[in-house]
Amino acid sequence: MAKPDNRADNQAHLQEHIDHTLANLREAEDYLDEHAREITTEEKQRIEAKNDRRQESIKSFIAEKKDEAQQ
């Protein structure tokens, strides 16, 4: 049996996703700051690309949270 669609806590869940993604982004930035000279260019680019995707995800989460607030 399928669960009913309960959207009451969507904003809270979205905020948790935002907070978690921001924490990962900051952790990766700190890692780059501390180890930039020790890692390969390829690894640095991979981390930076992942952080770019994280920033896009955060923007999407924020937009979705605003939509939820209007409903």
C-alpha atoms as a PDB file:
ATOM      1  CA  MET A   1       0.000   0.000   0.000  1.00  0.00           C
ATOM      2  CA  ALA A   2       1.393   3.382  -0.997  1.00  0.00           C
ATOM      3  CA  LYS A   3       1.964   6.027   1.619  1.00  0.00           C
ATOM      4  CA  PRO A   4      -0.159   9.171   1.288  1.00  0.00           C
ATOM      5  CA  ASP A   5       1.672  12.251   0.047  1.00  0.00           C
ATOM      6  CA  ASN A   6       2.493  14.247   3.187  1.00  0.00           C
ATOM      7  CA  ARG A   7       4.093  17.518   2.210  1.00  0.00           C
ATOM      8  CA  ALA A   8       3.829  19.109   5.652  1.00  0.00           C
ATOM      9  CA  ASP A   9       7.527  18.756   6.403  1.00  0.00           C
ATOM     10  CA  ASN A  10       8.975  19.362   2.940  1.00  0.00           C
ATOM     11  CA  GLN A  11      10.433  22.737   3.908  1.00  0.00           C
ATOM     12  CA  ALA A  12      12.253  21.183   6.858  1.00  0.00           C
ATOM     13  CA  HIS A  13      13.626  18.405   4.652  1.00  0.00           C
ATOM     14  CA  LEU A  14      14.726  20.890   2.021  1.00  0.00           C
ATOM     15  CA  GLN A  15      16.514  22.960   4.674  1.00  0.00           C
ATOM     16  CA  GLU A  16      18.304  19.815   5.859  1.00  0.00           C
ATOM     17  CA  HIS A  17      19.429  19.184   2.272  1.00  0.00           C
ATOM     18  CA  ILE A  18      20.637  22.784   1.969  1.00  0.00           C
ATOM     19  CA  ASP A  19      22.560  22.578   5.248  1.00  0.00           C
ATOM     20  CA  HIS A  20      24.117  19.216   4.362  1.00  0.00           C
ATOM     21  CA  THR A  21      25.144  20.338   0.880  1.00  0.00           C
ATOM     22  CA  LEU A  22      26.631  23.570   2.246  1.00  0.00           C
ATOM     23  CA  ALA A  23      28.614  21.595   4.806  1.00  0.00           C
ATOM     24  CA  ASN A  24      30.002  19.330   2.075  1.00  0.00           C
ATOM     25  CA  LEU A  25      30.866  22.337  -0.076  1.00  0.00           C
ATOM     26  CA  ARG A  26      32.729  24.037   2.774  1.00  0.00           C
ATOM     27  CA  GLU A  27      34.531  20.825   3.692  1.00  0.00           C
ATOM     28  CA  ALA A  28      35.720  20.430   0.103  1.00  0.00           C
ATOM     29  CA  GLU A  29      36.852  24.064  -0.020  1.00  0.00           C
ATOM     30  CA  ASP A  30      38.770  23.610   3.238  1.00  0.00           C
ATOM     31  CA  TYR A  31      40.360  20.464   1.837  1.00  0.00           C
ATOM     32  CA  LEU A  32      41.455  22.352  -1.275  1.00  0.00           C
ATOM     33  CA  ASP A  33      42.853  25.197   0.838  1.00  0.00           C
ATOM     34  CA  GLU A  34      44.881  22.795   2.962  1.00  0.00           C
ATOM     35  CA  HIS A  35      46.038  20.342   0.300  1.00  0.00           C
ATOM     36  CA  ALA A  36      46.119  22.278  -2.971  1.00  0.00           C
ATOM     37  CA  ARG A  37      49.853  21.744  -3.388  1.00  0.00           C
ATOM     38  CA  GLU A  38      49.650  18.030  -2.604  1.00  0.00           C
ATOM     39  CA  ILE A  39      46.869  16.946  -4.965  1.00  0.00           C
ATOM     40  CA  THR A  40      46.899  16.499  -8.703  1.00  0.00           C
ATOM     41  CA  THR A  41      45.394  19.050 -11.045  1.00  0.00           C
ATOM     42  CA  GLU A  42      42.856  16.427 -12.083  1.00  0.00           C
ATOM     43  CA  GLU A  43      41.719  15.866  -8.505  1.00  0.00           C
ATOM     44  CA  LYS A  44      41.494  19.609  -7.889  1.00  0.00           C
ATOM     45  CA  GLN A  45      39.357  20.050 -11.010  1.00  0.00           C
ATOM     46  CA  ARG A  46      37.134  17.143  -9.980  1.00  0.00           C
ATOM     47  CA  ILE A  47      36.532  18.674  -6.544  1.00  0.00           C
ATOM     48  CA  GLU A  48      35.869  22.102  -8.032  1.00  0.00           C
ATOM     49  CA  ALA A  49      33.405  20.618 -10.544  1.00  0.00           C
ATOM     50  CA  LYS A  50      31.609  18.802  -7.741  1.00  0.00           C
ATOM     51  CA  ASN A  51      31.384  22.037  -5.778  1.00  0.00           C
ATOM     52  CA  ASP A  52      29.905  23.749  -8.834  1.00  0.00           C
ATOM     53  CA  ARG A  53      27.229  21.057  -8.923  1.00  0.00           C
ATOM     54  CA  ARG A  54      26.663  21.511  -5.189  1.00  0.00           C
ATOM     55  CA  GLN A  55      26.101  25.238  -5.689  1.00  0.00           C
ATOM     56  CA  GLU A  56      23.538  24.502  -8.397  1.00  0.00           C
ATOM     57  CA  SER A  57      21.818  22.011  -6.103  1.00  0.00           C
ATOM     58  CA  ILE A  58      21.648  24.580  -3.320  1.00  0.00           C
ATOM     59  CA  LYS A  59      20.024  27.084  -5.693  1.00  0.00           C
ATOM     60  CA  SER A  60      17.477  24.452  -6.717  1.00  0.00           C
ATOM     61  CA  PHE A  61      16.741  23.514  -3.099  1.00  0.00           C
ATOM     62  CA  ILE A  62      16.201  27.181  -2.217  1.00  0.00           C
ATOM     63  CA  ALA A  63      13.854  27.684  -5.165  1.00  0.00           C
ATOM     64  CA  GLU A  64      11.917  24.549  -4.239  1.00  0.00           C
ATOM     65  CA  LYS A  65      11.703  25.681  -0.620  1.00  0.00           C
ATOM     66  CA  LYS A  66      10.251  29.029  -1.762  1.00  0.00           C
ATOM     67  CA  ASP A  67       7.682  27.154  -3.854  1.00  0.00           C
ATOM     68  CA  GLU A  68       6.713  25.049  -0.859  1.00  0.00           C
ATOM     69  CA  ALA A  69       6.295  28.180   1.266  1.00  0.00           C
ATOM     70  CA  GLN A  70       3.775  29.592  -1.223  1.00  0.00           C
ATOM     71  CA  GLN A  71       1.600  26.467  -1.198  1.00  0.00           C
END
